[in-house]
Amino acid sequence: MDGVRLAQRALLAVSGGADSMVMASVLFDASPERIAGIATFDHGTGAAAEEAASLVVAWAESRRLPAFVGRASGLAQTESSWRQARWSFLHGVAARTSAAVATAHTRDDQVETVFMRLLRGSGVRGLAGLLARGPILRPMLGTSRVAVRAYATVCAVPFLDDPSNENRRFLRNRVRQELLPLLERNEPGFREWLITLGERAAVWRDDVSDAVDEFWAPSVQDGVAVHVPRVATRLPDRSEAALFWPEVAGRVGVALDWRGTARLASFTTKERTGLRMPLSGGVVVRSERRGWTLERAGMGDESAAPPICWHHATTD
């Protein structure tokens, strides 16, 4: 699979599905020395999740790669709860292994993400989707889901289909199975239009990121918290706030739509310290004497996080 490479040491996030198992297989063949380990997360949803985690561990151990398994219990049965717990686990393992996280997002995931951001009224930063500079590596982003499945078949890559991908109560599944096929039938080329929109938004997003660094210099702590000096929030007009706050929030993994941007901009005009406001994705913003801190909820508070069991398997 041409172009799928690692340029740095990486922890591979592998669910046991076709996309991530193919990514792991290709990267192991291309640059095994850059793989810090294989990380998989059991969301506690039943036998299928346990089977997928077992598959991933067996695959990693057969190649003498470290395998890290996170297991959660008591999670709400929502995509956002699963995502928050999974990323908390992945960031923790990445810190322990001094590696960047690599995910198996494909070109199709980018299409779906841009479309969902459109539905939610995201700004330019959100419309860039998965195309952005940042700590997460996405070596499969130029590859289609069809090509991934073909590779898995030809090269006998083991994988398991996640039954939750068929559940249409989740927005992404409805987008994938209903909305995008309907739009493509009526507007051929719609997927390519979304790809182009994401690419153009990513260029604009990178320009904004450079400007924020140059003029306001927010400090990021390990991708889980970002501090903004109070002087930086005294923006002269709404247009600057609409660019500044989505970029800052994005550095802790939050994609703000226009409503979220307006709430955050309004909140940060308050002079009182000690105030807190929740954002999406398990992030809170706190007012402090010197400025504002956006961080993932529960940082430094073990009781705020769902219980997660760790398993680190290696073969020596």
Protein backbone atom coordinates (compact mmCIF):
# COMPACT_ATOMS: atom_id res chain seq x y z
CA MET A 1 0.00 0.00 0.00
CA ASP A 2 2.00 2.93 -1.34
CA GLY A 3 2.57 5.97 0.83
CA VAL A 4 1.63 4.38 4.16
CA ARG A 5 4.75 5.01 6.24
CA LEU A 6 5.83 6.20 9.67
CA ALA A 7 8.16 9.18 9.89
CA GLN A 8 8.53 8.92 13.67
CA ARG A 9 8.06 6.60 16.63
CA ALA A 10 4.36 5.76 16.98
CA LEU A 11 1.87 3.93 19.15
CA LEU A 12 -0.65 2.28 16.81
CA ALA A 13 -4.29 2.57 17.87
CA VAL A 14 -5.84 -0.71 16.70
CA SER A 15 -9.47 -1.67 17.24
CA GLY A 16 -9.41 -5.04 15.50
CA GLY A 17 -11.40 -3.75 12.52
CA ALA A 18 -10.22 -3.89 8.92
CA ASP A 19 -8.81 -0.34 8.74
CA SER A 20 -6.62 -0.53 11.83
CA MET A 21 -5.49 -4.14 11.31
CA VAL A 22 -4.39 -3.29 7.76
CA MET A 23 -2.59 -0.19 9.05
CA ALA A 24 -0.75 -2.26 11.65
CA SER A 25 0.16 -4.92 9.07
CA VAL A 26 1.45 -2.42 6.50
CA LEU A 27 3.43 -0.39 9.02
CA PHE A 28 4.94 -3.50 10.58
CA ASP A 29 6.17 -4.60 7.16
CA ALA A 30 7.46 -1.11 6.28
CA SER A 31 9.04 0.15 9.52
CA PRO A 32 8.70 -2.15 12.55
CA GLU A 33 11.47 -0.33 14.39
CA ARG A 34 9.26 2.77 14.64
CA ILE A 35 6.34 0.99 16.30
CA ALA A 36 6.35 1.68 20.04
CA GLY A 37 3.49 -0.72 20.60
CA ILE A 38 -0.09 -1.66 19.76
CA ALA A 39 -2.89 -0.12 21.84
CA THR A 40 -6.48 -1.34 21.85
CA PHE A 41 -9.44 -0.30 23.98
CA ASP A 42 -12.35 -2.47 25.12
CA HIS A 43 -15.31 -0.14 25.72
CA GLY A 44 -17.07 -2.76 27.82
CA THR A 45 -19.84 -3.32 25.29
CA GLY A 46 -19.83 -7.11 25.35
CA ALA A 47 -18.39 -10.24 23.79
CA ALA A 48 -17.61 -8.68 20.40
CA ALA A 49 -15.42 -6.01 22.01
CA GLU A 50 -13.59 -8.62 24.10
CA GLU A 51 -13.01 -10.77 21.01
CA ALA A 52 -11.60 -7.80 19.09
CA ALA A 53 -9.19 -6.95 21.91
CA SER A 54 -8.02 -10.57 22.05
CA LEU A 55 -7.40 -10.57 18.30
CA VAL A 56 -5.28 -7.43 18.53
CA VAL A 57 -3.20 -8.74 21.44
CA ALA A 58 -2.60 -12.08 19.70
CA TRP A 59 -1.55 -10.30 16.49
CA ALA A 60 0.87 -8.02 18.36
CA GLU A 61 2.40 -10.80 20.43
CA SER A 62 2.94 -12.98 17.37
CA ARG A 63 5.15 -10.16 16.04
CA ARG A 64 6.84 -9.54 19.39
CA LEU A 65 5.32 -6.07 19.72
CA PRO A 66 4.20 -4.62 23.07
CA ALA A 67 0.40 -4.73 23.41
CA PHE A 68 -1.51 -2.31 25.64
CA VAL A 69 -5.16 -3.00 26.42
CA GLY A 70 -7.50 -0.57 28.13
CA ARG A 71 -10.80 -1.83 29.54
CA ALA A 72 -13.54 0.46 30.77
CA SER A 73 -16.74 -0.25 32.65
CA GLY A 74 -19.71 1.89 33.50
CA LEU A 75 -19.50 4.06 30.40
CA ALA A 76 -22.62 5.69 28.97
CA GLN A 77 -23.55 3.99 25.69
CA THR A 78 -22.76 7.03 23.56
CA GLU A 79 -20.12 7.74 20.95
CA SER A 80 -18.82 10.74 22.90
CA SER A 81 -18.35 8.71 26.11
CA TRP A 82 -16.53 5.95 24.24
CA ARG A 83 -14.34 8.47 22.41
CA GLN A 84 -13.40 10.34 25.59
CA ALA A 85 -12.44 7.15 27.48
CA ARG A 86 -10.54 5.75 24.50
CA TRP A 87 -8.51 8.89 23.95
CA SER A 88 -7.75 9.22 27.65
CA PHE A 89 -6.27 5.73 27.48
CA LEU A 90 -4.37 6.36 24.24
CA HIS A 91 -2.84 9.60 25.48
CA GLY A 92 -1.76 7.85 28.66
CA VAL A 93 -0.03 5.01 26.82
CA ALA A 94 1.55 7.43 24.34
CA ALA A 95 3.06 9.39 27.23
CA ARG A 96 4.41 6.20 28.80
CA THR A 97 5.99 5.05 25.56
CA SER A 98 7.20 8.50 24.41
CA ALA A 99 5.42 8.07 21.09
CA ALA A 100 2.83 9.78 18.93
CA VAL A 101 -0.55 8.10 18.47
CA ALA A 102 -1.24 6.76 14.96
CA THR A 103 -4.83 6.08 13.92
CA ALA A 104 -6.25 4.29 10.88
CA HIS A 105 -8.59 7.01 9.65
CA THR A 106 -9.15 6.69 5.90
CA ARG A 107 -10.23 9.00 3.10
CA ASP A 108 -13.81 7.87 3.72
CA ASP A 109 -13.55 8.88 7.38
CA GLN A 110 -12.47 12.34 6.24
CA VAL A 111 -15.51 12.62 3.95
CA GLU A 112 -17.86 11.58 6.76
CA THR A 113 -16.22 13.90 9.27
CA VAL A 114 -16.43 16.97 7.02
CA PHE A 115 -20.08 16.21 6.25
CA MET A 116 -20.94 15.78 9.94
CA ARG A 117 -19.19 19.05 10.75
CA LEU A 118 -21.29 20.75 8.08
CA LEU A 119 -24.44 19.37 9.70
CA ARG A 120 -23.34 20.72 13.07
CA GLY A 121 -22.49 24.18 11.81
CA SER A 122 -18.74 23.98 12.39
CA GLY A 123 -16.44 26.81 11.41
CA VAL A 124 -13.40 26.60 9.16
CA ARG A 125 -11.34 24.74 11.75
CA GLY A 126 -13.95 22.01 12.06
CA LEU A 127 -14.46 21.73 8.31
CA ALA A 128 -10.81 20.76 7.88
CA GLY A 129 -11.85 17.50 9.50
CA LEU A 130 -8.94 15.13 9.95
CA LEU A 131 -6.57 17.16 7.75
CA ALA A 132 -4.59 19.25 10.17
CA ARG A 133 -1.21 19.64 11.72
CA GLY A 134 -1.18 18.11 15.15
CA PRO A 135 0.15 15.34 17.38
CA ILE A 136 -2.01 12.57 15.87
CA LEU A 137 -0.54 10.61 12.95
CA ARG A 138 -2.96 9.42 10.25
CA PRO A 139 -0.91 7.42 7.72
CA MET A 140 -4.02 5.94 6.04
CA LEU A 141 -5.79 9.21 5.31
CA GLY A 142 -5.11 9.04 1.58
CA THR A 143 -6.45 5.48 1.31
CA SER A 144 -10.05 4.51 0.60
CA ARG A 145 -12.02 1.99 2.64
CA VAL A 146 -12.48 -0.12 -0.50
CA ALA A 147 -8.71 -0.32 -0.99
CA VAL A 148 -8.27 -1.31 2.65
CA ARG A 149 -10.75 -4.18 2.34
CA ALA A 150 -9.11 -5.35 -0.87
CA TYR A 151 -5.70 -5.36 0.81
CA ALA A 152 -7.06 -7.31 3.78
CA THR A 153 -8.49 -9.94 1.43
CA VAL A 154 -5.43 -10.32 -0.78
CA CYS A 155 -2.92 -10.32 2.10
CA ALA A 156 -5.07 -12.37 4.51
CA VAL A 157 -5.06 -9.71 7.23
CA PRO A 158 -7.28 -10.89 10.11
CA PHE A 159 -9.96 -8.49 11.33
CA LEU A 160 -13.40 -8.39 12.94
CA ASP A 161 -16.31 -6.18 11.93
CA ASP A 162 -17.67 -4.12 14.83
CA PRO A 163 -21.44 -4.78 15.12
CA SER A 164 -21.96 -1.26 16.49
CA ASN A 165 -21.08 0.06 13.02
CA GLU A 166 -24.50 -1.17 11.87
CA ASN A 167 -26.41 0.64 14.61
CA ARG A 168 -28.15 3.58 12.96
CA ARG A 169 -28.86 5.42 16.16
CA PHE A 170 -25.32 6.76 15.80
CA LEU A 171 -25.01 9.75 13.48
CA ARG A 172 -21.85 8.56 11.72
CA ASN A 173 -23.53 5.28 10.76
CA ARG A 174 -26.56 7.11 9.34
CA VAL A 175 -24.25 9.42 7.40
CA ARG A 176 -22.26 6.45 6.05
CA GLN A 177 -25.18 4.18 5.21
CA GLU A 178 -27.99 6.57 4.30
CA LEU A 179 -27.19 10.25 3.79
CA LEU A 180 -23.99 10.13 1.74
CA PRO A 181 -25.23 7.39 -0.64
CA LEU A 182 -28.46 9.39 -1.18
CA LEU A 183 -26.56 12.59 -1.93
CA GLU A 184 -24.16 10.82 -4.28
CA ARG A 185 -27.02 9.35 -6.27
CA ASN A 186 -28.47 12.82 -6.75
CA GLU A 187 -25.20 14.76 -6.96
CA PRO A 188 -22.34 12.68 -8.41
CA GLY A 189 -18.99 13.92 -7.20
CA PHE A 190 -20.35 15.05 -3.84
CA ARG A 191 -17.66 13.08 -1.98
CA GLU A 192 -14.89 14.78 -3.98
CA TRP A 193 -16.46 18.15 -3.24
CA LEU A 194 -16.26 17.36 0.49
CA ILE A 195 -12.61 16.30 0.12
CA THR A 196 -11.81 19.60 -1.63
CA LEU A 197 -13.69 21.58 1.01
CA GLY A 198 -11.69 19.86 3.75
CA GLU A 199 -8.39 20.52 1.98
CA ARG A 200 -9.13 24.22 1.52
CA ALA A 201 -10.29 24.55 5.11
CA ALA A 202 -7.10 22.82 6.30
CA VAL A 203 -4.92 25.40 4.51
CA TRP A 204 -6.88 28.23 6.13
CA ARG A 205 -6.76 26.45 9.48
CA ASP A 206 -2.97 26.17 9.32
CA ASP A 207 -2.65 29.87 8.50
CA VAL A 208 -4.82 30.72 11.52
CA SER A 209 -2.75 28.39 13.72
CA ASP A 210 0.44 30.18 12.69
CA ALA A 211 -1.14 33.56 13.43
CA VAL A 212 -2.35 32.44 16.88
CA ASP A 213 1.15 31.20 17.75
CA GLU A 214 2.77 34.40 16.53
CA PHE A 215 0.48 36.93 18.19
CA TRP A 216 -0.98 35.20 21.29
CA ALA A 217 1.33 32.25 22.06
CA PRO A 218 -0.98 29.90 24.01
CA SER A 219 1.00 27.20 25.86
CA VAL A 220 -0.03 23.55 25.41
CA GLN A 221 0.71 20.90 28.04
CA ASP A 222 1.03 17.40 26.55
CA GLY A 223 -2.04 17.88 24.37
CA VAL A 224 -4.38 17.72 27.39
CA ALA A 225 -4.40 21.35 28.55
CA VAL A 226 -3.79 24.75 27.00
CA HIS A 227 -3.25 28.02 28.86
CA VAL A 228 -4.08 31.40 27.34
CA PRO A 229 -2.80 34.63 28.93
CA ARG A 230 -5.66 36.91 29.97
CA VAL A 231 -4.39 39.70 27.73
CA ALA A 232 -4.81 37.45 24.69
CA THR A 233 -8.57 37.19 25.21
CA ARG A 234 -9.13 40.92 24.83
CA LEU A 235 -9.91 40.60 21.15
CA PRO A 236 -11.15 43.73 19.40
CA ASP A 237 -14.01 42.19 17.42
CA ARG A 238 -16.10 39.07 16.90
CA SER A 239 -14.29 37.99 13.77
CA GLU A 240 -11.01 37.60 15.67
CA ALA A 241 -12.73 35.67 18.46
CA ALA A 242 -14.33 33.40 15.85
CA LEU A 243 -10.84 32.48 14.61
CA PHE A 244 -8.96 32.47 17.92
CA TRP A 245 -11.12 30.30 20.19
CA PRO A 246 -11.78 27.38 17.80
CA GLU A 247 -8.02 27.15 17.19
CA VAL A 248 -7.20 27.17 20.91
CA ALA A 249 -9.92 24.64 21.77
CA GLY A 250 -8.73 22.41 18.95
CA ARG A 251 -5.40 22.00 20.70
CA VAL A 252 -7.13 19.94 23.38
CA GLY A 253 -9.28 18.03 20.91
CA VAL A 254 -12.48 20.13 20.84
CA ALA A 255 -14.10 21.13 17.54
CA LEU A 256 -16.20 24.21 18.33
CA ASP A 257 -19.19 25.13 16.20
CA TRP A 258 -20.39 28.73 16.07
CA ARG A 259 -22.55 28.28 19.18
CA GLY A 260 -19.67 26.87 21.21
CA THR A 261 -17.39 29.65 19.99
CA ALA A 262 -19.89 32.30 21.05
CA ARG A 263 -20.31 30.70 24.50
CA LEU A 264 -16.56 30.49 25.05
CA ALA A 265 -15.93 34.03 23.82
CA SER A 266 -18.64 35.34 26.14
CA PHE A 267 -17.41 33.31 29.12
CA THR A 268 -13.86 34.60 28.78
CA THR A 269 -14.96 38.23 29.00
CA LYS A 270 -15.74 37.70 32.70
CA GLU A 271 -13.16 39.12 35.10
CA ARG A 272 -13.89 36.79 38.05
CA THR A 273 -11.48 33.93 38.74
CA GLY A 274 -12.39 30.39 39.77
CA LEU A 275 -15.20 30.06 37.23
CA ARG A 276 -15.62 26.83 35.21
CA MET A 277 -17.56 26.02 32.06
CA PRO A 278 -17.84 22.62 30.32
CA LEU A 279 -17.17 22.31 26.60
CA SER A 280 -17.77 19.32 24.35
CA GLY A 281 -15.46 16.31 24.36
CA GLY A 282 -14.98 16.26 28.14
CA VAL A 283 -13.08 19.56 28.21
CA VAL A 284 -13.59 22.32 30.76
CA VAL A 285 -12.40 25.93 30.71
CA ARG A 286 -11.27 27.55 33.98
CA SER A 287 -10.72 31.23 34.73
CA GLU A 288 -7.52 31.97 36.64
CA ARG A 289 -5.73 35.11 37.75
CA ARG A 290 -3.24 34.99 34.89
CA GLY A 291 -5.59 33.77 32.19
CA TRP A 292 -7.68 30.84 31.04
CA THR A 293 -6.97 27.11 31.00
CA LEU A 294 -8.78 24.60 28.81
CA GLU A 295 -8.21 21.01 29.91
CA ARG A 296 -9.75 17.59 29.74
CA ALA A 297 -12.18 17.02 32.60
CA GLY A 298 -10.77 14.92 35.41
CA MET A 299 -7.10 15.85 34.92
CA GLY A 300 -5.59 15.33 38.35
CA ASP A 301 -8.88 13.87 39.66
CA GLU A 302 -8.96 10.10 39.37
CA SER A 303 -12.55 9.93 40.64
CA ALA A 304 -13.80 11.90 37.63
CA ALA A 305 -12.68 9.28 35.11
CA PRO A 306 -14.42 5.98 34.35
CA PRO A 307 -12.61 2.97 35.80
CA ILE A 308 -10.04 1.70 33.31
CA CYS A 309 -8.07 -1.51 33.69
CA TRP A 310 -4.67 -1.70 32.01
CA HIS A 311 -3.02 -4.76 30.55
CA HIS A 312 0.47 -4.59 29.09
CA ALA A 313 1.50 -7.75 27.26
CA THR A 314 4.91 -8.43 25.78
CA THR A 315 6.71 -11.49 24.52
CA ASP A 316 10.36 -11.73 25.46
